[in-house]
Amino acid sequence: MHARVPRVKLESGKVKRVTAPWEGLSNGFTLLFEAFLLQLCQAMPVKQGSISKSW
């Protein structure tokens, strides 16, 4: 999954990344999703298993 996570500039001049709402909620989800994608790639060409959108 790719997402643009906003960054904010603090009054001190430092830049801080905003925490995504899904960050750290379920580490197992990533592992299961990765396993699912590997199964898709084994069953079909990688391009067909892709779920990314081109904007």
PDB file of N, CA and C in Angstrom:
ATOM      1  N   MET A   1       0.852  -1.163   0.000  1.00  0.00           N
ATOM      2  CA  MET A   1       0.000   0.000   0.000  1.00  0.00           C
ATOM      3  C   MET A   1       0.900   1.230   0.000  1.00  0.00           C
ATOM      4  N   HIS A   2       0.557   2.178  -0.842  1.00  0.00           N
ATOM      5  CA  HIS A   2       1.275   3.441  -0.889  1.00  0.00           C
ATOM      6  C   HIS A   2       0.319   4.552  -0.507  1.00  0.00           C
ATOM      7  N   ALA A   3       0.779   5.450   0.321  1.00  0.00           N
ATOM      8  CA  ALA A   3      -0.055   6.577   0.724  1.00  0.00           C
ATOM      9  C   ALA A   3       0.842   7.784   0.982  1.00  0.00           C
ATOM     10  N   ARG A   4       0.361   8.930   0.622  1.00  0.00           N
ATOM     11  CA  ARG A   4       1.070  10.159   0.933  1.00  0.00           C
ATOM     12  C   ARG A   4       0.658  10.589   2.335  1.00  0.00           C
ATOM     13  N   VAL A   5       1.621  10.595   3.223  1.00  0.00           N
ATOM     14  CA  VAL A   5       1.341  10.977   4.603  1.00  0.00           C
ATOM     15  C   VAL A   5       1.770  12.436   4.757  1.00  0.00           C
ATOM     16  N   PRO A   6       0.852  13.282   5.211  1.00  0.00           N
ATOM     17  CA  PRO A   6       1.170  14.707   5.311  1.00  0.00           C
ATOM     18  C   PRO A   6       2.287  14.993   6.311  1.00  0.00           C
ATOM     19  N   ARG A   7       2.977  16.062   6.059  1.00  0.00           N
ATOM     20  CA  ARG A   7       4.016  16.552   6.964  1.00  0.00           C
ATOM     21  C   ARG A   7       3.635  17.971   7.350  1.00  0.00           C
ATOM     22  N   VAL A   8       3.921  18.328   8.577  1.00  0.00           N
ATOM     23  CA  VAL A   8       3.607  19.676   9.051  1.00  0.00           C
ATOM     24  C   VAL A   8       4.882  20.346   9.545  1.00  0.00           C
ATOM     25  N   LYS A   9       4.949  21.631   9.331  1.00  0.00           N
ATOM     26  CA  LYS A   9       6.099  22.391   9.803  1.00  0.00           C
ATOM     27  C   LYS A   9       5.732  23.017  11.144  1.00  0.00           C
ATOM     28  N   LEU A  10       6.502  22.707  12.166  1.00  0.00           N
ATOM     29  CA  LEU A  10       6.248  23.218  13.505  1.00  0.00           C
ATOM     30  C   LEU A  10       6.782  24.647  13.638  1.00  0.00           C
ATOM     31  N   GLU A  11       6.345  25.329  14.671  1.00  0.00           N
ATOM     32  CA  GLU A  11       6.794  26.701  14.903  1.00  0.00           C
ATOM     33  C   GLU A  11       8.310  26.775  15.065  1.00  0.00           C
ATOM     34  N   SER A  12       8.908  25.704  15.551  1.00  0.00           N
ATOM     35  CA  SER A  12      10.358  25.675  15.743  1.00  0.00           C
ATOM     36  C   SER A  12      11.108  25.528  14.417  1.00  0.00           C
ATOM     37  N   GLY A  13      10.365  25.277  13.337  1.00  0.00           N
ATOM     38  CA  GLY A  13      10.984  25.108  12.027  1.00  0.00           C
ATOM     39  C   GLY A  13      11.201  23.654  11.641  1.00  0.00           C
ATOM     40  N   LYS A  14      11.028  22.750  12.594  1.00  0.00           N
ATOM     41  CA  LYS A  14      11.185  21.323  12.308  1.00  0.00           C
ATOM     42  C   LYS A  14       9.967  20.808  11.552  1.00  0.00           C
ATOM     43  N   VAL A  15      10.193  19.772  10.752  1.00  0.00           N
ATOM     44  CA  VAL A  15       9.106  19.146   9.996  1.00  0.00           C
ATOM     45  C   VAL A  15       8.788  17.815  10.654  1.00  0.00           C
ATOM     46  N   LYS A  16       7.492  17.568  10.889  1.00  0.00           N
ATOM     47  CA  LYS A  16       7.048  16.340  11.541  1.00  0.00           C
ATOM     48  C   LYS A  16       6.039  15.635  10.645  1.00  0.00           C
ATOM     49  N   ARG A  17       6.172  14.322  10.556  1.00  0.00           N
ATOM     50  CA  ARG A  17       5.238  13.515   9.771  1.00  0.00           C
ATOM     51  C   ARG A  17       3.995  13.247  10.615  1.00  0.00           C
ATOM     52  N   VAL A  18       2.828  13.399  10.015  1.00  0.00           N
ATOM     53  CA  VAL A  18       1.574  13.131  10.702  1.00  0.00           C
ATOM     54  C   VAL A  18       1.386  11.612  10.776  1.00  0.00           C
ATOM     55  N   THR A  19       0.969  11.121  11.922  1.00  0.00           N
ATOM     56  CA  THR A  19       0.737   9.690  12.087  1.00  0.00           C
ATOM     57  C   THR A  19      -0.528   9.278  11.332  1.00  0.00           C
ATOM     58  N   ALA A  20      -0.390   8.262  10.504  1.00  0.00           N
ATOM     59  CA  ALA A  20      -1.536   7.763   9.734  1.00  0.00           C
ATOM     60  C   ALA A  20      -2.494   7.037  10.672  1.00  0.00           C
ATOM     61  N   PRO A  21      -3.811   7.121  10.408  1.00  0.00           N
ATOM     62  CA  PRO A  21      -4.792   6.482  11.297  1.00  0.00           C
ATOM     63  C   PRO A  21      -4.630   4.970  11.405  1.00  0.00           C
ATOM     64  N   TRP A  22      -4.056   4.328  10.378  1.00  0.00           N
ATOM     65  CA  TRP A  22      -3.922   2.881  10.386  1.00  0.00           C
ATOM     66  C   TRP A  22      -2.567   2.421  10.920  1.00  0.00           C
ATOM     67  N   GLU A  23      -1.690   3.328  11.207  1.00  0.00           N
ATOM     68  CA  GLU A  23      -0.325   2.988  11.596  1.00  0.00           C
ATOM     69  C   GLU A  23      -0.276   2.271  12.937  1.00  0.00           C
ATOM     70  N   GLY A  24       0.314   1.082  12.948  1.00  0.00           N
ATOM     71  CA  GLY A  24       0.542   0.333  14.173  1.00  0.00           C
ATOM     72  C   GLY A  24      -0.686  -0.339  14.761  1.00  0.00           C
ATOM     73  N   LEU A  25      -1.805  -0.336  14.049  1.00  0.00           N
ATOM     74  CA  LEU A  25      -3.015  -0.944  14.611  1.00  0.00           C
ATOM     75  C   LEU A  25      -2.968  -2.462  14.587  1.00  0.00           C
ATOM     76  N   SER A  26      -2.504  -3.016  13.491  1.00  0.00           N
ATOM     77  CA  SER A  26      -2.497  -4.464  13.371  1.00  0.00           C
ATOM     78  C   SER A  26      -1.308  -4.901  12.528  1.00  0.00           C
ATOM     79  N   ASN A  27      -0.253  -5.310  13.184  1.00  0.00           N
ATOM     80  CA  ASN A  27       0.927  -5.747  12.450  1.00  0.00           C
ATOM     81  C   ASN A  27       0.663  -7.049  11.692  1.00  0.00           C
ATOM     82  N   GLY A  28      -0.244  -7.879  12.176  1.00  0.00           N
ATOM     83  CA  GLY A  28      -0.566  -9.130  11.506  1.00  0.00           C
ATOM     84  C   GLY A  28      -1.238  -8.922  10.170  1.00  0.00           C
ATOM     85  N   PHE A  29      -1.952  -7.822  10.016  1.00  0.00           N
ATOM     86  CA  PHE A  29      -2.626  -7.545   8.748  1.00  0.00           C
ATOM     87  C   PHE A  29      -1.618  -7.479   7.622  1.00  0.00           C
ATOM     88  N   THR A  30      -0.497  -6.818   7.857  1.00  0.00           N
ATOM     89  CA  THR A  30       0.511  -6.682   6.815  1.00  0.00           C
ATOM     90  C   THR A  30       1.040  -8.047   6.405  1.00  0.00           C
ATOM     91  N   LEU A  31       1.322  -8.895   7.355  1.00  0.00           N
ATOM     92  CA  LEU A  31       1.842 -10.225   7.061  1.00  0.00           C
ATOM     93  C   LEU A  31       0.830 -11.051   6.278  1.00  0.00           C
ATOM     94  N   LEU A  32      -0.430 -11.010   6.687  1.00  0.00           N
ATOM     95  CA  LEU A  32      -1.465 -11.764   5.975  1.00  0.00           C
ATOM     96  C   LEU A  32      -1.685 -11.214   4.568  1.00  0.00           C
ATOM     97  N   PHE A  33      -1.660  -9.898   4.432  1.00  0.00           N
ATOM     98  CA  PHE A  33      -1.852  -9.277   3.124  1.00  0.00           C
ATOM     99  C   PHE A  33      -0.692  -9.631   2.198  1.00  0.00           C
ATOM    100  N   GLU A  34       0.508  -9.640   2.738  1.00  0.00           N
ATOM    101  CA  GLU A  34       1.686  -9.999   1.954  1.00  0.00           C
ATOM    102  C   GLU A  34       1.575 -11.445   1.461  1.00  0.00           C
ATOM    103  N   ALA A  35       1.126 -12.342   2.318  1.00  0.00           N
ATOM    104  CA  ALA A  35       0.952 -13.741   1.937  1.00  0.00           C
ATOM    105  C   ALA A  35      -0.113 -13.877   0.848  1.00  0.00           C
ATOM    106  N   PHE A  36      -1.188 -13.103   0.957  1.00  0.00           N
ATOM    107  CA  PHE A  36      -2.247 -13.120  -0.056  1.00  0.00           C
ATOM    108  C   PHE A  36      -1.710 -12.660  -1.408  1.00  0.00           C
ATOM    109  N   LEU A  37      -0.932 -11.583  -1.411  1.00  0.00           N
ATOM    110  CA  LEU A  37      -0.367 -11.087  -2.668  1.00  0.00           C
ATOM    111  C   LEU A  37       0.590 -12.088  -3.293  1.00  0.00           C
ATOM    112  N   LEU A  38       1.361 -12.773  -2.467  1.00  0.00           N
ATOM    113  CA  LEU A  38       2.267 -13.795  -3.005  1.00  0.00           C
ATOM    114  C   LEU A  38       1.481 -14.920  -3.668  1.00  0.00           C
ATOM    115  N   GLN A  39       0.352 -15.297  -3.089  1.00  0.00           N
ATOM    116  CA  GLN A  39      -0.492 -16.324  -3.701  1.00  0.00           C
ATOM    117  C   GLN A  39      -1.055 -15.841  -5.039  1.00  0.00           C
ATOM    118  N   LEU A  40      -1.465 -14.574  -5.091  1.00  0.00           N
ATOM    119  CA  LEU A  40      -1.959 -14.020  -6.349  1.00  0.00           C
ATOM    120  C   LEU A  40      -0.877 -14.037  -7.423  1.00  0.00           C
ATOM    121  N   CYS A  41       0.321 -13.657  -7.045  1.00  0.00           N
ATOM    122  CA  CYS A  41       1.427 -13.601  -8.009  1.00  0.00           C
ATOM    123  C   CYS A  41       1.805 -14.984  -8.518  1.00  0.00           C
ATOM    124  N   GLN A  42       1.616 -16.009  -7.704  1.00  0.00           N
ATOM    125  CA  GLN A  42       1.902 -17.369  -8.148  1.00  0.00           C
ATOM    126  C   GLN A  42       0.815 -17.872  -9.096  1.00  0.00           C
ATOM    127  N   ALA A  43      -0.405 -17.383  -8.938  1.00  0.00           N
ATOM    128  CA  ALA A  43      -1.528 -17.878  -9.719  1.00  0.00           C
ATOM    129  C   ALA A  43      -1.733 -17.110 -11.029  1.00  0.00           C
ATOM    130  N   MET A  44      -1.176 -15.927 -11.154  1.00  0.00           N
ATOM    131  CA  MET A  44      -1.394 -15.110 -12.350  1.00  0.00           C
ATOM    132  C   MET A  44      -0.197 -14.205 -12.572  1.00  0.00           C
ATOM    133  N   PRO A  45      -0.111 -13.611 -13.762  1.00  0.00           N
ATOM    134  CA  PRO A  45       0.980 -12.659 -13.983  1.00  0.00           C
ATOM    135  C   PRO A  45       0.935 -11.531 -12.948  1.00  0.00           C
ATOM    136  N   VAL A  46       2.094 -11.044 -12.546  1.00  0.00           N
ATOM    137  CA  VAL A  46       2.191 -10.045 -11.483  1.00  0.00           C
ATOM    138  C   VAL A  46       1.360  -8.807 -11.808  1.00  0.00           C
ATOM    139  N   LYS A  47       1.348  -8.398 -13.067  1.00  0.00           N
ATOM    140  CA  LYS A  47       0.603  -7.188 -13.434  1.00  0.00           C
ATOM    141  C   LYS A  47      -0.891  -7.359 -13.146  1.00  0.00           C
ATOM    142  N   GLN A  48      -1.435  -8.549 -13.339  1.00  0.00           N
ATOM    143  CA  GLN A  48      -2.852  -8.786 -13.046  1.00  0.00           C
ATOM    144  C   GLN A  48      -3.106  -8.845 -11.547  1.00  0.00           C
ATOM    145  N   GLY A  49      -2.097  -9.251 -10.769  1.00  0.00           N
ATOM    146  CA  GLY A  49      -2.257  -9.324  -9.323  1.00  0.00           C
ATOM    147  C   GLY A  49      -2.095  -7.968  -8.656  1.00  0.00           C
ATOM    148  N   SER A  50      -1.686  -6.974  -9.412  1.00  0.00           N
ATOM    149  CA  SER A  50      -1.478  -5.647  -8.862  1.00  0.00           C
ATOM    150  C   SER A  50      -2.816  -4.986  -8.527  1.00  0.00           C
ATOM    151  N   ILE A  51      -2.847  -4.283  -7.392  1.00  0.00           N
ATOM    152  CA  ILE A  51      -4.079  -3.586  -6.999  1.00  0.00           C
ATOM    153  C   ILE A  51      -3.873  -2.093  -6.983  1.00  0.00           C
ATOM    154  N   SER A  52      -2.710  -1.639  -7.445  1.00  0.00           N
ATOM    155  CA  SER A  52      -2.448  -0.196  -7.414  1.00  0.00           C
ATOM    156  C   SER A  52      -3.180   0.490  -8.558  1.00  0.00           C
ATOM    157  N   LYS A  53      -3.534   1.763  -8.328  1.00  0.00           N
ATOM    158  CA  LYS A  53      -4.201   2.557  -9.356  1.00  0.00           C
ATOM    159  C   LYS A  53      -3.224   3.569  -9.923  1.00  0.00           C
ATOM    160  N   SER A  54      -3.317   3.800 -11.197  1.00  0.00           N
ATOM    161  CA  SER A  54      -2.534   4.870 -11.812  1.00  0.00           C
ATOM    162  C   SER A  54      -3.445   6.079 -11.918  1.00  0.00           C
ATOM    163  N   TRP A  55      -3.048   7.159 -11.319  1.00  0.00           N
ATOM    164  CA  TRP A  55      -3.878   8.359 -11.334  1.00  0.00           C
ATOM    165  C   TRP A  55      -3.572   9.161 -12.538  1.00  0.00           C
TER     166      TRP A  55
END
